[in-house]
Amino acid sequence: AQRLIPYAGEILAQADNMEREVGLLQARQLGRIAIGAGPYPMQSLLTRAITIFAQANPEITVSLEAGDQQAMLDKLVNRQLDLIVCDASKYEVSAHIDQMERIPLAQDRVVFVHRADHPLNGRTPKVRELLQYRWAAPSSSPHFLRRMAPRQAAESARGDHPQFRVNSVSACVDLTRTGDVLALVPRSYAMEACSSG
């Protein structure tokens, strides 16, 4: 009996752990969630939301994947991701639209940003004047292309505009800090960038 007592203790401890895990699973406080997003929502929305979620749900593992939004939609349908945050236009043209549920988020206006001592600071320039400067935009930014005049859209198709195509909003903002580069970013992200210099 003495030799069996340690084994019994281990079994009881494992039973307690299993009971705790079952309770957490039933209460949806344990598990994993996989999220996909493009560069705009990744930095302007998701990182803040995930921080809040993680503090409220410390036992849930969150994985975040960035990439092409159409590929993300495919991964959602194939159950490799639990949810994605993407531009509505990508969802609307997806071949899998009937297999997904769409929940619209509050829209965040897109604004242009520049360094504090930029020649445009403090005034409202005309579009023609804006196009004299170099631009930075995330490579998959639908907002940039939608707001372009047909001539600028043709330049973009040739690869002339924007001059910097990077895969993150923060990289766009960093480029504005180093020269006369302009960038289009969500307003909430722009306000954050301005408050940090």
N, C-alpha and C. Protein backbone atom coordinates (compact mmCIF):
# COMPACT_ATOMS: atom_id res chain seq x y z
N ALA A 1 0.83 -1.21 0.00
CA ALA A 1 0.00 0.00 0.00
C ALA A 1 0.87 1.25 0.00
N GLN A 2 1.95 1.24 0.82
CA GLN A 2 2.83 2.40 0.89
C GLN A 2 3.44 2.71 -0.48
N ARG A 3 3.79 1.67 -1.23
CA ARG A 3 4.41 1.87 -2.54
C ARG A 3 3.42 2.42 -3.56
N LEU A 4 2.12 2.19 -3.38
CA LEU A 4 1.11 2.64 -4.33
C LEU A 4 0.63 4.06 -4.06
N ILE A 5 0.84 4.56 -2.84
CA ILE A 5 0.33 5.88 -2.46
C ILE A 5 0.86 6.98 -3.39
N PRO A 6 2.17 7.03 -3.75
CA PRO A 6 2.64 8.09 -4.66
C PRO A 6 1.92 8.06 -6.01
N TYR A 7 1.67 6.86 -6.52
CA TYR A 7 0.95 6.76 -7.81
C TYR A 7 -0.47 7.30 -7.68
N ALA A 8 -1.11 6.98 -6.58
CA ALA A 8 -2.48 7.46 -6.35
C ALA A 8 -2.49 8.98 -6.27
N GLY A 9 -1.47 9.56 -5.62
CA GLY A 9 -1.38 11.02 -5.53
C GLY A 9 -1.24 11.66 -6.90
N GLU A 10 -0.41 11.05 -7.75
CA GLU A 10 -0.22 11.57 -9.11
C GLU A 10 -1.52 11.48 -9.91
N ILE A 11 -2.22 10.35 -9.76
CA ILE A 11 -3.47 10.16 -10.50
C ILE A 11 -4.50 11.19 -10.06
N LEU A 12 -4.60 11.44 -8.74
CA LEU A 12 -5.56 12.43 -8.23
C LEU A 12 -5.19 13.84 -8.71
N ALA A 13 -3.89 14.16 -8.75
CA ALA A 13 -3.46 15.47 -9.23
C ALA A 13 -3.80 15.63 -10.71
N GLN A 14 -3.57 14.59 -11.50
CA GLN A 14 -3.90 14.64 -12.92
C GLN A 14 -5.41 14.76 -13.12
N ALA A 15 -6.19 14.09 -12.28
CA ALA A 15 -7.65 14.19 -12.37
C ALA A 15 -8.09 15.61 -12.07
N ASP A 16 -7.46 16.24 -11.06
CA ASP A 16 -7.78 17.64 -10.73
C ASP A 16 -7.45 18.56 -11.91
N ASN A 17 -6.26 18.33 -12.51
CA ASN A 17 -5.86 19.14 -13.68
C ASN A 17 -6.82 18.95 -14.83
N MET A 18 -7.23 17.69 -15.07
CA MET A 18 -8.17 17.42 -16.15
C MET A 18 -9.51 18.09 -15.88
N GLU A 19 -9.97 18.04 -14.65
CA GLU A 19 -11.24 18.67 -14.29
C GLU A 19 -11.16 20.18 -14.50
N ARG A 20 -10.03 20.78 -14.14
CA ARG A 20 -9.83 22.22 -14.33
C ARG A 20 -9.87 22.55 -15.83
N GLU A 21 -9.15 21.76 -16.66
CA GLU A 21 -9.11 21.98 -18.11
C GLU A 21 -10.50 21.86 -18.72
N VAL A 22 -11.26 20.86 -18.30
CA VAL A 22 -12.62 20.67 -18.81
C VAL A 22 -13.47 21.89 -18.46
N GLY A 23 -13.33 22.38 -17.24
CA GLY A 23 -14.08 23.57 -16.82
C GLY A 23 -13.72 24.78 -17.65
N LEU A 24 -12.42 24.97 -17.92
CA LEU A 24 -11.99 26.10 -18.73
C LEU A 24 -12.49 25.98 -20.17
N LEU A 25 -12.42 24.76 -20.71
CA LEU A 25 -12.92 24.54 -22.07
C LEU A 25 -14.42 24.81 -22.16
N GLN A 26 -15.17 24.34 -21.16
CA GLN A 26 -16.61 24.56 -21.17
C GLN A 26 -16.94 26.04 -21.05
N ALA A 27 -16.15 26.76 -20.28
CA ALA A 27 -16.37 28.20 -20.12
C ALA A 27 -15.71 29.00 -21.25
N ARG A 28 -15.11 28.31 -22.21
CA ARG A 28 -14.41 28.93 -23.34
C ARG A 28 -13.30 29.87 -22.87
N GLN A 29 -12.61 29.45 -21.82
CA GLN A 29 -11.50 30.24 -21.30
C GLN A 29 -10.16 29.59 -21.62
N LEU A 30 -10.18 28.51 -22.37
CA LEU A 30 -8.96 27.81 -22.72
C LEU A 30 -9.06 27.43 -24.19
N GLY A 31 -7.96 27.52 -24.88
CA GLY A 31 -7.99 27.11 -26.28
C GLY A 31 -7.07 27.96 -27.12
N ARG A 32 -7.40 28.02 -28.41
CA ARG A 32 -6.57 28.71 -29.38
C ARG A 32 -7.47 29.41 -30.38
N ILE A 33 -7.08 30.59 -30.79
CA ILE A 33 -7.80 31.30 -31.84
C ILE A 33 -6.78 31.80 -32.86
N ALA A 34 -7.04 31.55 -34.13
CA ALA A 34 -6.14 31.96 -35.21
C ALA A 34 -6.81 33.06 -36.02
N ILE A 35 -6.12 34.19 -36.13
CA ILE A 35 -6.67 35.37 -36.79
C ILE A 35 -5.78 35.76 -37.96
N GLY A 36 -6.38 36.16 -39.06
CA GLY A 36 -5.63 36.64 -40.21
C GLY A 36 -6.03 38.07 -40.54
N ALA A 37 -5.10 38.82 -41.13
CA ALA A 37 -5.40 40.21 -41.49
C ALA A 37 -4.38 40.72 -42.49
N GLY A 38 -4.76 41.80 -43.16
CA GLY A 38 -3.83 42.52 -44.02
C GLY A 38 -3.08 43.56 -43.19
N PRO A 39 -2.20 44.35 -43.83
CA PRO A 39 -1.35 45.26 -43.07
C PRO A 39 -2.08 46.41 -42.38
N TYR A 40 -3.16 46.94 -42.97
CA TYR A 40 -3.86 48.05 -42.31
C TYR A 40 -4.51 47.62 -41.00
N PRO A 41 -5.43 46.64 -41.02
CA PRO A 41 -6.06 46.29 -39.74
C PRO A 41 -5.10 45.67 -38.75
N MET A 42 -4.03 45.06 -39.24
CA MET A 42 -3.08 44.42 -38.33
C MET A 42 -2.56 45.41 -37.31
N GLN A 43 -2.11 46.56 -37.76
CA GLN A 43 -1.49 47.49 -36.83
C GLN A 43 -2.46 48.50 -36.25
N SER A 44 -3.44 48.92 -37.02
CA SER A 44 -4.32 49.97 -36.52
C SER A 44 -5.44 49.44 -35.64
N LEU A 45 -5.71 48.15 -35.70
CA LEU A 45 -6.87 47.62 -34.99
C LEU A 45 -6.54 46.37 -34.18
N LEU A 46 -5.94 45.39 -34.82
CA LEU A 46 -5.82 44.08 -34.19
C LEU A 46 -4.84 44.00 -33.04
N THR A 47 -3.70 44.64 -33.14
CA THR A 47 -2.72 44.49 -32.05
C THR A 47 -3.29 45.01 -30.74
N ARG A 48 -4.01 46.12 -30.79
CA ARG A 48 -4.64 46.67 -29.58
C ARG A 48 -5.74 45.74 -29.08
N ALA A 49 -6.56 45.23 -29.99
CA ALA A 49 -7.67 44.34 -29.60
C ALA A 49 -7.15 43.04 -28.99
N ILE A 50 -6.08 42.51 -29.57
CA ILE A 50 -5.52 41.25 -29.05
C ILE A 50 -4.94 41.45 -27.66
N THR A 51 -4.32 42.59 -27.42
CA THR A 51 -3.78 42.88 -26.09
C THR A 51 -4.89 42.87 -25.05
N ILE A 52 -6.00 43.52 -25.36
CA ILE A 52 -7.14 43.56 -24.44
C ILE A 52 -7.72 42.17 -24.24
N PHE A 53 -7.87 41.42 -25.34
CA PHE A 53 -8.41 40.06 -25.28
C PHE A 53 -7.50 39.16 -24.44
N ALA A 54 -6.19 39.25 -24.64
CA ALA A 54 -5.24 38.40 -23.92
C ALA A 54 -5.25 38.68 -22.42
N GLN A 55 -5.43 39.93 -22.05
CA GLN A 55 -5.50 40.26 -20.62
C GLN A 55 -6.75 39.67 -19.99
N ALA A 56 -7.85 39.66 -20.73
CA ALA A 56 -9.11 39.12 -20.20
C ALA A 56 -9.17 37.60 -20.28
N ASN A 57 -8.39 36.99 -21.18
CA ASN A 57 -8.42 35.54 -21.41
C ASN A 57 -6.99 34.98 -21.44
N PRO A 58 -6.31 34.94 -20.29
CA PRO A 58 -4.90 34.55 -20.30
C PRO A 58 -4.64 33.10 -20.69
N GLU A 59 -5.63 32.24 -20.67
CA GLU A 59 -5.43 30.83 -21.00
C GLU A 59 -5.66 30.53 -22.49
N ILE A 60 -6.06 31.54 -23.26
CA ILE A 60 -6.31 31.33 -24.69
C ILE A 60 -5.11 31.81 -25.48
N THR A 61 -4.60 30.96 -26.34
CA THR A 61 -3.47 31.30 -27.20
C THR A 61 -3.99 31.95 -28.47
N VAL A 62 -3.42 33.09 -28.81
CA VAL A 62 -3.83 33.82 -30.02
C VAL A 62 -2.67 33.80 -31.01
N SER A 63 -2.97 33.36 -32.23
CA SER A 63 -1.97 33.46 -33.29
C SER A 63 -2.50 34.43 -34.33
N LEU A 64 -1.60 35.26 -34.85
CA LEU A 64 -1.96 36.31 -35.78
C LEU A 64 -1.11 36.16 -37.03
N GLU A 65 -1.77 36.10 -38.18
CA GLU A 65 -1.07 35.89 -39.45
C GLU A 65 -1.40 37.03 -40.40
N ALA A 66 -0.36 37.61 -40.98
CA ALA A 66 -0.55 38.68 -41.96
C ALA A 66 -0.30 38.12 -43.35
N GLY A 67 -1.00 38.70 -44.32
CA GLY A 67 -0.76 38.25 -45.68
C GLY A 67 -1.81 38.75 -46.65
N ASP A 68 -1.78 38.19 -47.82
CA ASP A 68 -2.72 38.52 -48.88
C ASP A 68 -4.14 38.19 -48.42
N GLN A 69 -5.05 39.14 -48.57
CA GLN A 69 -6.39 38.96 -48.04
C GLN A 69 -7.16 37.85 -48.73
N GLN A 70 -6.94 37.65 -50.03
CA GLN A 70 -7.64 36.57 -50.72
C GLN A 70 -7.17 35.21 -50.20
N ALA A 71 -5.86 35.10 -49.95
CA ALA A 71 -5.33 33.86 -49.37
C ALA A 71 -5.89 33.63 -47.97
N MET A 72 -6.08 34.72 -47.22
CA MET A 72 -6.65 34.61 -45.88
C MET A 72 -8.10 34.09 -45.95
N LEU A 73 -8.86 34.57 -46.91
CA LEU A 73 -10.24 34.09 -47.07
C LEU A 73 -10.25 32.60 -47.37
N ASP A 74 -9.33 32.14 -48.20
CA ASP A 74 -9.23 30.71 -48.49
C ASP A 74 -8.90 29.92 -47.22
N LYS A 75 -7.98 30.44 -46.42
CA LYS A 75 -7.61 29.76 -45.18
C LYS A 75 -8.78 29.74 -44.19
N LEU A 76 -9.59 30.78 -44.21
CA LEU A 76 -10.77 30.81 -43.33
C LEU A 76 -11.74 29.70 -43.72
N VAL A 77 -12.00 29.57 -45.01
CA VAL A 77 -12.92 28.53 -45.49
C VAL A 77 -12.36 27.13 -45.20
N ASN A 78 -11.04 26.99 -45.29
CA ASN A 78 -10.40 25.69 -45.02
C ASN A 78 -10.15 25.46 -43.53
N ARG A 79 -10.65 26.35 -42.70
CA ARG A 79 -10.57 26.26 -41.22
C ARG A 79 -9.15 26.30 -40.68
N GLN A 80 -8.25 26.93 -41.44
CA GLN A 80 -6.90 27.17 -40.93
C GLN A 80 -6.87 28.44 -40.10
N LEU A 81 -7.86 29.31 -40.30
CA LEU A 81 -8.03 30.53 -39.51
C LEU A 81 -9.46 30.54 -38.97
N ASP A 82 -9.62 31.15 -37.79
CA ASP A 82 -10.95 31.23 -37.18
C ASP A 82 -11.69 32.49 -37.63
N LEU A 83 -10.95 33.56 -37.87
CA LEU A 83 -11.56 34.79 -38.37
C LEU A 83 -10.49 35.60 -39.07
N ILE A 84 -10.94 36.49 -39.95
CA ILE A 84 -10.00 37.41 -40.59
C ILE A 84 -10.62 38.81 -40.57
N VAL A 85 -9.76 39.79 -40.64
CA VAL A 85 -10.19 41.17 -40.76
C VAL A 85 -9.65 41.63 -42.11
N CYS A 86 -10.58 41.98 -43.01
CA CYS A 86 -10.14 42.37 -44.35
C CYS A 86 -11.08 43.41 -44.92
N ASP A 87 -10.66 44.00 -46.02
CA ASP A 87 -11.46 44.97 -46.73
C ASP A 87 -12.71 44.27 -47.27
N ALA A 88 -13.86 44.90 -47.13
CA ALA A 88 -15.13 44.29 -47.55
C ALA A 88 -15.13 43.92 -49.03
N SER A 89 -14.41 44.68 -49.85
CA SER A 89 -14.41 44.39 -51.28
C SER A 89 -13.78 43.02 -51.57
N LYS A 90 -12.82 42.60 -50.74
CA LYS A 90 -12.20 41.28 -50.93
C LYS A 90 -13.21 40.18 -50.61
N TYR A 91 -13.99 40.38 -49.58
CA TYR A 91 -15.01 39.41 -49.18
C TYR A 91 -16.07 39.30 -50.27
N GLU A 92 -16.50 40.45 -50.79
CA GLU A 92 -17.61 40.47 -51.75
C GLU A 92 -17.28 39.76 -53.06
N VAL A 93 -16.02 39.69 -53.44
CA VAL A 93 -15.66 39.02 -54.70
C VAL A 93 -15.11 37.61 -54.46
N SER A 94 -15.14 37.16 -53.22
CA SER A 94 -14.62 35.83 -52.91
C SER A 94 -15.54 34.75 -53.47
N ALA A 95 -14.93 33.69 -53.96
CA ALA A 95 -15.70 32.54 -54.46
C ALA A 95 -16.40 31.81 -53.31
N HIS A 96 -15.99 32.08 -52.08
CA HIS A 96 -16.52 31.39 -50.91
C HIS A 96 -17.52 32.23 -50.11
N ILE A 97 -18.07 33.27 -50.73
CA ILE A 97 -18.91 34.22 -49.99
C ILE A 97 -20.07 33.53 -49.26
N ASP A 98 -20.62 32.47 -49.85
CA ASP A 98 -21.77 31.78 -49.23
C ASP A 98 -21.35 30.92 -48.04
N GLN A 99 -20.05 30.76 -47.81
CA GLN A 99 -19.57 29.92 -46.70
C GLN A 99 -19.07 30.76 -45.52
N MET A 100 -19.24 32.08 -45.60
CA MET A 100 -18.72 32.96 -44.56
C MET A 100 -19.81 33.89 -44.04
N GLU A 101 -19.57 34.37 -42.83
CA GLU A 101 -20.43 35.39 -42.25
C GLU A 101 -19.62 36.67 -42.16
N ARG A 102 -20.22 37.78 -42.54
CA ARG A 102 -19.52 39.07 -42.52
C ARG A 102 -20.10 39.93 -41.41
N ILE A 103 -19.21 40.48 -40.59
CA ILE A 103 -19.61 41.40 -39.53
C ILE A 103 -18.88 42.71 -39.79
N PRO A 104 -19.57 43.74 -40.26
CA PRO A 104 -18.89 45.01 -40.57
C PRO A 104 -18.37 45.69 -39.30
N LEU A 105 -17.19 46.26 -39.39
CA LEU A 105 -16.61 47.03 -38.30
C LEU A 105 -16.81 48.52 -38.58
N ALA A 106 -16.66 49.32 -37.57
CA ALA A 106 -16.75 50.77 -37.77
C ALA A 106 -15.65 51.20 -38.73
N GLN A 107 -15.99 52.06 -39.66
CA GLN A 107 -15.01 52.49 -40.66
C GLN A 107 -14.07 53.52 -40.06
N ASP A 108 -12.83 53.44 -40.47
CA ASP A 108 -11.81 54.39 -40.05
C ASP A 108 -11.35 55.12 -41.30
N ARG A 109 -11.51 56.43 -41.31
CA ARG A 109 -11.11 57.20 -42.48
C ARG A 109 -9.63 57.04 -42.74
N VAL A 110 -9.25 57.16 -44.00
CA VAL A 110 -7.85 57.11 -44.38
C VAL A 110 -7.40 58.55 -44.58
N VAL A 111 -6.27 58.90 -43.98
CA VAL A 111 -5.73 60.26 -44.08
C VAL A 111 -4.28 60.19 -44.53
N PHE A 112 -3.77 61.31 -45.06
CA PHE A 112 -2.36 61.29 -45.42
C PHE A 112 -1.56 61.91 -44.29
N VAL A 113 -0.35 61.38 -44.11
CA VAL A 113 0.53 61.87 -43.05
C VAL A 113 1.88 62.26 -43.66
N HIS A 114 2.56 63.16 -42.96
CA HIS A 114 3.89 63.60 -43.35
C HIS A 114 4.64 64.01 -42.10
N ARG A 115 5.93 64.24 -42.21
CA ARG A 115 6.71 64.64 -41.04
C ARG A 115 6.30 66.04 -40.60
N ALA A 116 6.53 66.38 -39.36
CA ALA A 116 6.06 67.64 -38.79
C ALA A 116 6.59 68.88 -39.51
N ASP A 117 7.82 68.85 -40.00
CA ASP A 117 8.38 70.03 -40.67
C ASP A 117 8.32 69.92 -42.20
N HIS A 118 7.37 69.15 -42.70
CA HIS A 118 7.18 68.98 -44.15
C HIS A 118 6.67 70.29 -44.75
N PRO A 119 7.02 70.60 -46.02
CA PRO A 119 6.53 71.83 -46.66
C PRO A 119 4.99 71.95 -46.70
N LEU A 120 4.27 70.83 -46.63
CA LEU A 120 2.80 70.88 -46.66
C LEU A 120 2.18 71.13 -45.29
N ASN A 121 2.96 71.15 -44.25
CA ASN A 121 2.43 71.26 -42.90
C ASN A 121 1.60 72.54 -42.71
N GLY A 122 0.41 72.36 -42.15
CA GLY A 122 -0.44 73.49 -41.80
C GLY A 122 -1.32 74.00 -42.92
N ARG A 123 -1.33 73.36 -44.06
CA ARG A 123 -2.21 73.82 -45.14
C ARG A 123 -2.85 72.65 -45.86
N THR A 124 -3.90 72.94 -46.61
CA THR A 124 -4.61 71.92 -47.36
C THR A 124 -4.19 71.99 -48.83
N PRO A 125 -3.36 71.07 -49.25
CA PRO A 125 -2.86 71.11 -50.63
C PRO A 125 -3.86 70.56 -51.64
N LYS A 126 -3.68 70.92 -52.87
CA LYS A 126 -4.48 70.36 -53.97
C LYS A 126 -3.88 69.00 -54.34
N VAL A 127 -4.68 68.14 -54.96
CA VAL A 127 -4.25 66.79 -55.31
C VAL A 127 -3.00 66.84 -56.18
N ARG A 128 -2.97 67.77 -57.16
CA ARG A 128 -1.82 67.88 -58.05
C ARG A 128 -0.53 68.12 -57.27
N GLU A 129 -0.63 68.95 -56.22
CA GLU A 129 0.55 69.24 -55.40
C GLU A 129 0.97 68.00 -54.58
N LEU A 130 -0.01 67.24 -54.11
CA LEU A 130 0.29 66.02 -53.36
C LEU A 130 1.07 65.03 -54.20
N LEU A 131 0.74 64.98 -55.49
CA LEU A 131 1.37 64.00 -56.38
C LEU A 131 2.80 64.38 -56.77
N GLN A 132 3.25 65.57 -56.37
CA GLN A 132 4.63 65.95 -56.63
C GLN A 132 5.59 65.29 -55.65
N TYR A 133 5.04 64.76 -54.57
CA TYR A 133 5.86 64.12 -53.55
C TYR A 133 5.82 62.60 -53.72
N ARG A 134 6.80 61.95 -53.13
CA ARG A 134 6.82 60.49 -53.15
C ARG A 134 5.83 59.97 -52.10
N TRP A 135 5.23 58.83 -52.40
CA TRP A 135 4.22 58.24 -51.53
C TRP A 135 4.66 56.86 -51.05
N ALA A 136 4.18 56.52 -49.88
CA ALA A 136 4.37 55.16 -49.35
C ALA A 136 2.99 54.59 -49.05
N ALA A 137 2.79 53.34 -49.40
CA ALA A 137 1.51 52.68 -49.11
C ALA A 137 1.76 51.19 -48.94
N PRO A 138 0.99 50.56 -48.03
CA PRO A 138 1.10 49.10 -47.94
C PRO A 138 0.79 48.50 -49.30
N SER A 139 1.50 47.45 -49.65
CA SER A 139 1.38 46.88 -50.99
C SER A 139 -0.02 46.42 -51.33
N SER A 140 -0.82 46.06 -50.31
CA SER A 140 -2.17 45.58 -50.61
C SER A 140 -3.24 46.59 -50.24
N SER A 141 -2.88 47.86 -50.15
CA SER A 141 -3.83 48.88 -49.72
C SER A 141 -4.91 49.15 -50.76
N PRO A 142 -6.16 48.76 -50.48
CA PRO A 142 -7.23 49.06 -51.43
C PRO A 142 -7.62 50.54 -51.38
N HIS A 143 -7.41 51.18 -50.25
CA HIS A 143 -7.81 52.58 -50.08
C HIS A 143 -7.03 53.50 -51.01
N PHE A 144 -5.75 53.23 -51.12
CA PHE A 144 -4.91 54.09 -51.97
C PHE A 144 -5.41 54.06 -53.40
N LEU A 145 -5.66 52.87 -53.93
CA LEU A 145 -6.07 52.76 -55.33
C LEU A 145 -7.46 53.34 -55.57
N ARG A 146 -8.38 53.20 -54.61
CA ARG A 146 -9.74 53.72 -54.80
C ARG A 146 -9.77 55.23 -54.89
N ARG A 147 -8.85 55.91 -54.23
CA ARG A 147 -8.89 57.36 -54.18
C ARG A 147 -8.08 58.02 -55.30
N MET A 148 -7.49 57.24 -56.14
CA MET A 148 -6.68 57.79 -57.23
C MET A 148 -7.54 58.17 -58.42
N ALA A 149 -7.14 59.25 -59.06
CA ALA A 149 -7.75 59.63 -60.33
C ALA A 149 -7.31 58.60 -61.37
N PRO A 150 -8.05 58.46 -62.49
CA PRO A 150 -7.68 57.46 -63.51
C PRO A 150 -6.23 57.56 -63.97
N ARG A 151 -5.70 58.78 -64.14
CA ARG A 151 -4.32 58.93 -64.59
C ARG A 151 -3.35 58.35 -63.56
N GLN A 152 -3.60 58.63 -62.28
CA GLN A 152 -2.71 58.10 -61.24
C GLN A 152 -2.89 56.60 -61.09
N ALA A 153 -4.11 56.10 -61.33
CA ALA A 153 -4.33 54.65 -61.27
C ALA A 153 -3.52 53.96 -62.36
N ALA A 154 -3.44 54.58 -63.55
CA ALA A 154 -2.63 54.02 -64.63
C ALA A 154 -1.15 54.03 -64.25
N GLU A 155 -0.71 55.12 -63.59
CA GLU A 155 0.69 55.19 -63.12
C GLU A 155 0.96 54.08 -62.11
N SER A 156 -0.02 53.84 -61.25
CA SER A 156 0.14 52.79 -60.24
C SER A 156 0.24 51.43 -60.90
N ALA A 157 -0.58 51.21 -61.94
CA ALA A 157 -0.56 49.93 -62.65
C ALA A 157 0.81 49.71 -63.31
N ARG A 158 1.44 50.79 -63.76
CA ARG A 158 2.78 50.68 -64.35
C ARG A 158 3.86 50.54 -63.28
N GLY A 159 3.49 50.79 -62.03
CA GLY A 159 4.47 50.70 -60.94
C GLY A 159 5.12 52.03 -60.61
N ASP A 160 4.60 53.14 -61.19
CA ASP A 160 5.19 54.46 -60.93
C ASP A 160 4.72 55.06 -59.60
N HIS A 161 3.56 54.63 -59.13
CA HIS A 161 2.95 55.27 -57.97
C HIS A 161 2.22 54.24 -57.14
N PRO A 162 2.30 54.12 -55.87
CA PRO A 162 3.22 54.85 -54.99
C PRO A 162 4.65 54.36 -55.18
N GLN A 163 5.59 55.20 -54.82
CA GLN A 163 6.99 54.85 -55.04
C GLN A 163 7.50 53.83 -54.03
N PHE A 164 6.91 53.82 -52.84
CA PHE A 164 7.31 52.86 -51.81
C PHE A 164 6.13 51.95 -51.52
N ARG A 165 6.27 50.68 -51.79
CA ARG A 165 5.23 49.70 -51.45
C ARG A 165 5.84 48.78 -50.41
N VAL A 166 5.33 48.88 -49.21
CA VAL A 166 5.88 48.10 -48.10
C VAL A 166 4.76 47.30 -47.48
N ASN A 167 5.11 46.37 -46.61
CA ASN A 167 4.09 45.47 -46.10
C ASN A 167 3.60 45.83 -44.70
N SER A 168 3.79 47.08 -44.28
CA SER A 168 3.25 47.45 -42.97
C SER A 168 2.97 48.95 -42.91
N VAL A 169 2.00 49.30 -42.10
CA VAL A 169 1.63 50.70 -41.93
C VAL A 169 2.74 51.43 -41.19
N SER A 170 3.35 50.78 -40.19
CA SER A 170 4.40 51.46 -39.43
C SER A 170 5.60 51.79 -40.32
N ALA A 171 5.90 50.92 -41.29
CA ALA A 171 7.00 51.21 -42.21
C ALA A 171 6.67 52.43 -43.06
N CYS A 172 5.41 52.57 -43.46
CA CYS A 172 4.99 53.77 -44.21
C CYS A 172 5.22 55.03 -43.38
N VAL A 173 4.80 54.98 -42.12
CA VAL A 173 4.96 56.13 -41.23
C VAL A 173 6.44 56.42 -41.00
N ASP A 174 7.26 55.38 -40.84
CA ASP A 174 8.70 55.58 -40.65
C ASP A 174 9.31 56.27 -41.87
N LEU A 175 8.85 55.92 -43.07
CA LEU A 175 9.36 56.58 -44.27
C LEU A 175 9.01 58.07 -44.28
N THR A 176 7.84 58.44 -43.75
CA THR A 176 7.47 59.86 -43.71
C THR A 176 8.37 60.64 -42.75
N ARG A 177 8.88 59.97 -41.74
CA ARG A 177 9.74 60.66 -40.76
C ARG A 177 11.12 60.96 -41.33
N THR A 178 11.50 60.28 -42.39
CA THR A 178 12.86 60.41 -42.89
C THR A 178 13.00 61.33 -44.09
N GLY A 179 11.92 61.87 -44.62
CA GLY A 179 12.04 62.72 -45.80
C GLY A 179 10.73 63.36 -46.16
N ASP A 180 10.57 63.69 -47.43
CA ASP A 180 9.36 64.35 -47.90
C ASP A 180 8.30 63.37 -48.36
N VAL A 181 8.37 62.15 -47.88
CA VAL A 181 7.42 61.11 -48.27
C VAL A 181 6.07 61.34 -47.58
N LEU A 182 5.00 61.07 -48.32
CA LEU A 182 3.64 61.11 -47.77
C LEU A 182 3.14 59.67 -47.69
N ALA A 183 2.21 59.42 -46.77
CA ALA A 183 1.64 58.07 -46.66
C ALA A 183 0.16 58.16 -46.33
N LEU A 184 -0.60 57.19 -46.81
CA LEU A 184 -2.00 57.06 -46.45
C LEU A 184 -2.12 56.00 -45.38
N VAL A 185 -2.72 56.37 -44.25
CA VAL A 185 -2.90 55.43 -43.14
C VAL A 185 -4.27 55.66 -42.51
N PRO A 186 -4.80 54.68 -41.78
CA PRO A 186 -6.06 54.90 -41.07
C PRO A 186 -5.91 56.05 -40.07
N ARG A 187 -6.97 56.83 -39.91
CA ARG A 187 -6.91 58.02 -39.05
C ARG A 187 -6.48 57.68 -37.63
N SER A 188 -7.01 56.58 -37.07
CA SER A 188 -6.67 56.21 -35.69
C SER A 188 -5.17 55.95 -35.56
N TYR A 189 -4.58 55.33 -36.58
CA TYR A 189 -3.14 55.06 -36.55
C TYR A 189 -2.36 56.36 -36.72
N ALA A 190 -2.87 57.25 -37.57
CA ALA A 190 -2.21 58.54 -37.78
C ALA A 190 -2.18 59.35 -36.48
N MET A 191 -3.30 59.34 -35.75
CA MET A 191 -3.35 60.09 -34.48
C MET A 191 -2.34 59.52 -33.49
N GLU A 192 -2.21 58.21 -33.47
CA GLU A 192 -1.24 57.56 -32.59
C GLU A 192 0.18 57.97 -32.99
N ALA A 193 0.45 57.96 -34.28
CA ALA A 193 1.79 58.31 -34.78
C ALA A 193 2.11 59.76 -34.46
N CYS A 194 1.12 60.65 -34.60
CA CYS A 194 1.35 62.06 -34.31
C CYS A 194 1.63 62.28 -32.82
N SER A 195 0.92 61.56 -31.97
CA SER A 195 1.11 61.75 -30.53
C SER A 195 2.48 61.24 -30.07
N SER A 196 3.09 60.34 -30.85
CA SER A 196 4.41 59.82 -30.48
C SER A 196 5.51 60.54 -31.25
N GLY A 197 5.19 61.63 -31.89
CA GLY A 197 6.21 62.39 -32.59
C GLY A 197 6.27 62.11 -34.06
